[in-house]
Amino acid sequence: MRKEIVSGVYPTMVTPFKENLAIDYEALECLMNWYSEKEIDGLFSVCQSSAMFELSRRERKQLCRKTVELSRGRFPVMASGHISDSISDQVDELMDMAEAGADALVLVSNRLASPDQNDTVWLTSLEKLMAALPDTVPLGLYECPYPYKRLLSEEVLIALIATKRFQFIKDTCCSPSLIAKRAALAKGSNVKFFNANAATLLYSLRQGYAGYSGVMANFHPELYRKLCHDWESMGKSAEELQNYIGTASVIEYQSYPANAKYALMKEGIFSTEICRRSDARYTILSDSQRLEVDQFRALSADMCARFLSERGA
């Protein structure tokens, strides 16, 4: 039975690799246990952070299957793996995720039309894709920034809500005004918006967003969980926690996902920070950057000691 998509924190899962670039499934099990210990609410797997563009179709399906297996029903696992250009190939990719046991299939917004094509083309592609996918599996959408970012227009959002099949939208707009408009559109529907941008998280929660789904949940997910679940009762502390996570999130602009893997090495979860991406901007950390991550982790530990002691207060 598929698990329900609930509000809260959904890390964008990073994939551990061995020295030979094979997926390290032992480290993956450690990662699943770490996520569970941090009390995440769900997981976004086989996404860009997971190296889906660098994995073969067979690897993507196996990664999804093992992630679902190793989650042991502790939280819902959503998966994408949606990288191809043709609709027929996209159907095959998404069916792989369904067959591997994903609780929801997450479509990538830039796969349904090219940058120069309008929303009519996009919606036509969506109709074809939805017709081929089982209506028993919930759907999601991710405004992935690669290979280009395609934000969902108001027309598209209204159409998505009307289908009643979409339950998860990962928002990467980073715009308070657009967040407010989107929250108003989705009010009363079964669509849950999850913000990927740390700086606007508290604002989005106040507007009605369901939670956070972003890369920083690979560093200190417990702080995001605290804010997402307790912001209404935290008073001034909610603003203080927001100020910290918003500022801390600039570490995203380091060599991610290598820096997240390095942080997980320091946690004793990963054995390497190896990535499959070829661009050094994302895969190689300098000695100075390692120090920045070490200092970031030390400060995060202080923040956890402070804010998590307030749980239930």
Protein backbone atom coordinates (compact mmCIF):
# COMPACT_ATOMS: atom_id res chain seq x y z
CA MET A 1 0.00 0.00 0.00
CA ARG A 2 1.37 3.40 -0.95
CA LYS A 3 1.96 5.88 1.85
CA GLU A 4 0.17 9.21 1.94
CA ILE A 5 2.01 12.41 1.05
CA VAL A 6 1.93 14.41 4.26
CA SER A 7 3.13 17.91 5.10
CA GLY A 8 6.65 18.53 6.39
CA VAL A 9 10.24 18.01 5.22
CA TYR A 10 11.18 16.04 2.10
CA PRO A 11 14.96 15.96 1.49
CA THR A 12 16.18 15.76 -2.08
CA MET A 13 18.11 12.53 -1.67
CA VAL A 14 21.80 12.43 -2.61
CA THR A 15 23.17 9.18 -4.02
CA PRO A 16 26.34 7.69 -2.51
CA PHE A 17 28.93 6.30 -4.92
CA LYS A 18 31.89 3.99 -4.45
CA GLU A 19 35.36 4.76 -5.81
CA ASN A 20 34.43 2.92 -9.03
CA LEU A 21 31.31 5.13 -9.42
CA ALA A 22 28.91 2.26 -8.63
CA ILE A 23 26.02 3.12 -6.31
CA ASP A 24 26.97 2.33 -2.71
CA TYR A 25 23.89 0.60 -1.35
CA GLU A 26 25.42 0.04 2.09
CA ALA A 27 25.86 3.79 2.45
CA LEU A 28 22.33 4.25 1.09
CA GLU A 29 20.98 2.15 3.95
CA CYS A 30 22.90 4.31 6.43
CA LEU A 31 21.43 7.39 4.76
CA MET A 32 17.88 6.05 5.05
CA ASN A 33 18.43 5.39 8.75
CA TRP A 34 19.90 8.89 9.23
CA TYR A 35 16.90 10.48 7.52
CA SER A 36 14.60 8.44 9.77
CA GLU A 37 16.51 9.47 12.91
CA LYS A 38 16.09 13.08 11.86
CA GLU A 39 12.33 12.46 11.63
CA ILE A 40 11.84 13.55 8.05
CA ASP A 41 8.28 13.37 6.79
CA GLY A 42 9.01 12.03 3.31
CA LEU A 43 11.73 11.68 0.70
CA PHE A 44 12.23 12.89 -2.86
CA SER A 45 14.41 10.25 -4.53
CA VAL A 46 15.80 9.81 -8.04
CA CYS A 47 15.82 13.59 -8.45
CA GLN A 48 18.55 15.95 -9.64
CA SER A 49 20.35 15.72 -6.28
CA SER A 50 20.26 11.94 -6.72
CA ALA A 51 22.22 12.27 -10.01
CA MET A 52 19.24 11.10 -12.08
CA PHE A 53 20.69 12.71 -15.21
CA GLU A 54 23.92 10.74 -14.75
CA LEU A 55 22.31 7.35 -13.97
CA SER A 56 21.23 4.76 -16.52
CA ARG A 57 17.57 3.82 -16.71
CA ARG A 58 18.34 0.50 -15.02
CA GLU A 59 20.21 2.27 -12.22
CA ARG A 60 17.39 4.74 -11.69
CA LYS A 61 14.86 1.94 -11.27
CA GLN A 62 17.14 -0.04 -8.97
CA LEU A 63 17.88 3.06 -6.90
CA CYS A 64 14.17 3.71 -6.46
CA ARG A 65 13.48 0.08 -5.54
CA LYS A 66 16.27 -0.02 -2.95
CA THR A 67 15.28 3.35 -1.51
CA VAL A 68 11.69 2.18 -1.03
CA GLU A 69 12.92 -1.10 0.44
CA LEU A 70 15.38 0.57 2.83
CA SER A 71 12.85 3.17 3.93
CA ARG A 72 10.94 0.25 5.48
CA GLY A 73 7.67 2.16 5.35
CA ARG A 74 8.93 4.83 7.73
CA PHE A 75 8.10 7.67 5.33
CA PRO A 76 6.66 8.08 1.83
CA VAL A 77 9.18 7.92 -1.01
CA MET A 78 8.51 9.98 -4.11
CA ALA A 79 10.62 9.47 -7.22
CA SER A 80 11.18 11.14 -10.57
CA GLY A 81 13.78 9.75 -12.99
CA HIS A 82 11.91 11.82 -15.59
CA ILE A 83 14.71 12.93 -17.94
CA SER A 84 13.93 11.94 -21.54
CA ASP A 85 12.62 14.11 -24.36
CA SER A 86 10.00 11.84 -25.97
CA ILE A 87 6.69 11.14 -24.25
CA SER A 88 6.98 7.41 -24.87
CA ASP A 89 10.38 7.29 -23.15
CA GLN A 90 9.04 9.41 -20.32
CA VAL A 91 6.17 6.98 -19.80
CA ASP A 92 8.66 4.11 -19.56
CA GLU A 93 10.80 6.02 -17.05
CA LEU A 94 7.89 6.93 -14.81
CA MET A 95 6.40 3.43 -15.01
CA ASP A 96 9.78 2.15 -13.81
CA MET A 97 9.38 4.27 -10.69
CA ALA A 98 5.82 3.04 -10.16
CA GLU A 99 6.90 -0.58 -10.54
CA ALA A 100 9.77 0.03 -8.12
CA GLY A 101 7.25 1.04 -5.46
CA ALA A 102 7.37 4.84 -5.39
CA ASP A 103 4.53 6.37 -3.40
CA ALA A 104 4.22 9.17 -5.95
CA LEU A 105 5.64 9.91 -9.41
CA VAL A 106 7.21 13.34 -9.79
CA LEU A 107 7.21 14.87 -13.26
CA VAL A 108 9.83 17.44 -14.23
CA SER A 109 8.26 20.64 -15.56
CA ASN A 110 10.86 21.24 -18.28
CA ARG A 111 10.37 17.83 -19.91
CA LEU A 112 6.92 18.61 -21.34
CA ALA A 113 7.87 21.44 -23.67
CA SER A 114 10.98 23.16 -24.97
CA PRO A 115 11.87 26.68 -23.76
CA ASP A 116 10.29 28.29 -26.83
CA GLN A 117 7.02 26.32 -26.66
CA ASN A 118 3.94 27.71 -24.91
CA ASP A 119 1.65 26.31 -22.24
CA THR A 120 -0.73 24.81 -24.81
CA VAL A 121 2.05 22.50 -25.98
CA TRP A 122 2.97 21.77 -22.35
CA LEU A 123 -0.59 20.84 -21.39
CA THR A 124 -1.00 18.65 -24.47
CA SER A 125 2.13 16.73 -23.48
CA LEU A 126 0.83 16.41 -19.94
CA GLU A 127 -2.48 14.95 -21.15
CA LYS A 128 -0.62 12.32 -23.18
CA LEU A 129 1.59 11.43 -20.24
CA MET A 130 -1.25 11.24 -17.73
CA ALA A 131 -3.30 9.03 -20.03
CA ALA A 132 -0.49 6.47 -20.02
CA LEU A 133 0.18 6.50 -16.28
CA PRO A 134 -1.89 4.55 -13.73
CA ASP A 135 -4.45 6.77 -12.01
CA THR A 136 -3.85 4.84 -8.79
CA VAL A 137 -0.45 6.50 -8.25
CA PRO A 138 -0.37 10.12 -7.04
CA LEU A 139 1.55 12.60 -9.17
CA GLY A 140 3.86 15.48 -8.39
CA LEU A 141 5.71 18.18 -10.30
CA TYR A 142 9.20 19.55 -9.84
CA GLU A 143 10.41 22.86 -11.27
CA CYS A 144 13.87 21.43 -11.87
CA PRO A 145 16.47 24.06 -12.87
CA TYR A 146 18.25 21.68 -15.27
CA PRO A 147 18.45 21.67 -18.26
CA TYR A 148 16.33 24.82 -17.99
CA LYS A 149 13.91 26.10 -15.37
CA ARG A 150 10.26 26.18 -16.41
CA LEU A 151 8.08 27.75 -13.77
CA LEU A 152 4.44 26.72 -13.75
CA SER A 153 2.12 29.47 -14.96
CA GLU A 154 -1.22 30.30 -13.39
CA GLU A 155 -3.00 28.65 -16.32
CA VAL A 156 -1.00 25.46 -15.85
CA LEU A 157 -1.53 25.39 -12.08
CA ILE A 158 -5.28 25.75 -12.50
CA ALA A 159 -5.23 22.83 -14.95
CA LEU A 160 -3.12 20.69 -12.59
CA ILE A 161 -5.43 21.32 -9.66
CA ALA A 162 -8.45 20.45 -11.82
CA THR A 163 -7.07 16.98 -12.60
CA LYS A 164 -7.15 16.09 -8.88
CA ARG A 165 -4.19 13.78 -9.52
CA PHE A 166 -1.40 16.07 -8.36
CA GLN A 167 -0.58 16.07 -4.67
CA PHE A 168 2.99 17.43 -4.57
CA ILE A 169 4.55 20.44 -6.26
CA LYS A 170 8.17 21.34 -5.56
CA ASP A 171 8.30 25.12 -5.96
CA THR A 172 11.60 26.71 -7.03
CA CYS A 173 10.27 30.18 -7.88
CA CYS A 174 12.00 31.92 -4.92
CA SER A 175 9.46 34.75 -5.23
CA PRO A 176 7.29 35.82 -2.26
CA SER A 177 4.65 37.40 -4.52
CA LEU A 178 4.38 34.29 -6.68
CA ILE A 179 4.30 32.06 -3.61
CA ALA A 180 1.31 34.00 -2.29
CA LYS A 181 -0.53 33.66 -5.62
CA ARG A 182 0.18 29.93 -5.82
CA ALA A 183 -0.96 29.31 -2.26
CA ALA A 184 -4.23 31.13 -2.97
CA LEU A 185 -4.81 29.06 -6.13
CA ALA A 186 -4.22 25.76 -4.31
CA LYS A 187 -6.30 26.59 -1.24
CA GLY A 188 -8.93 23.92 -0.64
CA SER A 189 -7.44 21.51 -3.21
CA ASN A 190 -5.43 18.34 -2.67
CA VAL A 191 -2.28 19.98 -4.07
CA LYS A 192 0.49 20.52 -1.52
CA PHE A 193 3.23 23.02 -2.31
CA PHE A 194 6.71 22.34 -0.94
CA ASN A 195 9.20 25.19 -1.04
CA ALA A 196 12.76 24.46 -2.21
CA ASN A 197 14.00 27.91 -1.21
CA ALA A 198 15.16 28.33 2.40
CA ALA A 199 15.02 32.12 2.44
CA THR A 200 11.27 32.22 1.77
CA LEU A 201 10.31 29.13 3.80
CA LEU A 202 8.63 30.75 6.79
CA TYR A 203 6.81 33.18 4.52
CA SER A 204 5.53 30.29 2.40
CA LEU A 205 4.37 28.33 5.45
CA ARG A 206 2.39 31.35 6.59
CA GLN A 207 0.78 31.50 3.15
CA GLY A 208 -0.29 27.86 3.39
CA TYR A 209 2.59 25.84 1.90
CA ALA A 210 2.91 22.28 3.17
CA GLY A 211 6.63 22.22 3.86
CA TYR A 212 10.18 22.12 2.54
CA SER A 213 11.78 19.97 -0.14
CA GLY A 214 15.31 21.08 -0.86
CA VAL A 215 19.01 20.35 -0.72
CA MET A 216 19.56 21.80 2.76
CA ALA A 217 17.65 18.91 4.30
CA ASN A 218 20.80 16.89 3.58
CA PHE A 219 22.68 19.06 6.09
CA HIS A 220 20.37 19.81 9.04
CA PRO A 221 16.87 18.43 8.33
CA GLU A 222 15.89 18.63 12.00
CA LEU A 223 15.92 22.44 11.88
CA TYR A 224 13.63 22.43 8.85
CA ARG A 225 11.36 19.95 10.58
CA LYS A 226 11.18 22.20 13.62
CA LEU A 227 10.19 25.22 11.56
CA CYS A 228 7.73 23.36 9.32
CA HIS A 229 5.91 21.70 12.20
CA ASP A 230 6.14 24.24 15.01
CA TRP A 231 6.32 27.69 13.42
CA GLU A 232 2.85 28.68 14.58
CA SER A 233 3.67 28.06 18.24
CA MET A 234 7.26 29.34 18.20
CA GLY A 235 6.53 33.05 18.37
CA LYS A 236 9.60 35.21 17.79
CA SER A 237 11.79 32.11 17.68
CA ALA A 238 10.32 31.20 14.29
CA GLU A 239 11.76 34.37 12.80
CA GLU A 240 15.11 33.73 14.48
CA LEU A 241 15.26 30.18 13.13
CA GLN A 242 14.26 31.43 9.68
CA ASN A 243 17.05 34.01 9.81
CA TYR A 244 19.55 31.25 10.50
CA ILE A 245 18.43 28.70 7.91
CA GLY A 246 18.03 31.39 5.27
CA THR A 247 21.56 32.65 5.83
CA ALA A 248 23.02 29.15 6.21
CA SER A 249 21.50 28.08 2.91
CA VAL A 250 24.06 30.10 0.96
CA ILE A 251 26.27 27.03 1.33
CA GLU A 252 24.15 25.61 -1.50
CA TYR A 253 26.23 27.77 -3.83
CA GLN A 254 29.36 25.86 -2.93
CA SER A 255 30.13 22.65 -4.84
CA TYR A 256 26.81 20.88 -4.26
CA PRO A 257 26.22 17.92 -4.02
CA ALA A 258 29.86 17.27 -3.10
CA ASN A 259 29.55 19.47 -0.01
CA ALA A 260 26.45 17.59 1.18
CA LYS A 261 28.28 14.31 0.71
CA TYR A 262 31.26 15.67 2.63
CA ALA A 263 28.92 16.69 5.47
CA LEU A 264 27.42 13.19 5.44
CA MET A 265 30.94 11.74 5.58
CA LYS A 266 31.49 13.77 8.75
CA GLU A 267 28.26 12.24 10.07
CA GLY A 268 29.69 8.78 9.42
CA ILE A 269 27.07 8.06 6.74
CA PHE A 270 29.05 8.21 3.46
CA SER A 271 32.56 6.94 2.78
CA THR A 272 33.24 9.22 -0.21
CA GLU A 273 32.06 12.53 -1.62
CA ILE A 274 32.33 11.21 -5.17
CA CYS A 275 29.81 12.54 -7.70
CA ARG A 276 29.16 11.52 -11.28
CA ARG A 277 28.75 15.03 -12.61
CA SER A 278 31.71 16.07 -14.73
CA ASP A 279 31.64 19.78 -13.88
CA ALA A 280 34.15 20.55 -11.11
CA ARG A 281 31.90 23.36 -9.84
CA TYR A 282 29.59 20.72 -8.41
CA THR A 283 31.97 17.89 -7.59
CA ILE A 284 35.26 19.19 -6.16
CA LEU A 285 35.68 20.92 -2.81
CA SER A 286 38.68 23.08 -2.00
CA ASP A 287 40.33 22.89 1.43
CA SER A 288 38.75 26.24 2.25
CA GLN A 289 35.30 24.94 1.31
CA ARG A 290 35.77 21.92 3.57
CA LEU A 291 36.54 24.29 6.43
CA GLU A 292 33.40 26.24 5.60
CA VAL A 293 31.33 23.06 5.83
CA ASP A 294 33.01 22.11 9.12
CA GLN A 295 32.27 25.54 10.58
CA PHE A 296 28.71 25.44 9.22
CA ARG A 297 28.15 22.05 10.88
CA ALA A 298 29.46 23.31 14.22
CA LEU A 299 27.12 26.30 14.15
CA SER A 300 24.20 24.10 13.07
CA ALA A 301 24.86 21.83 16.06
CA ASP A 302 24.58 24.89 18.33
CA MET A 303 21.33 25.89 16.64
CA CYS A 304 19.92 22.38 17.01
CA ALA A 305 20.80 22.40 20.71
CA ARG A 306 18.96 25.67 21.08
CA PHE A 307 15.87 25.26 18.94
CA LEU A 308 15.20 21.56 19.42
CA SER A 309 15.21 21.98 23.17
CA GLU A 310 12.11 24.10 22.60
CA ARG A 311 10.21 21.19 21.03
CA GLY A 312 6.82 20.88 22.55
CA ALA A 313 7.25 24.13 24.47
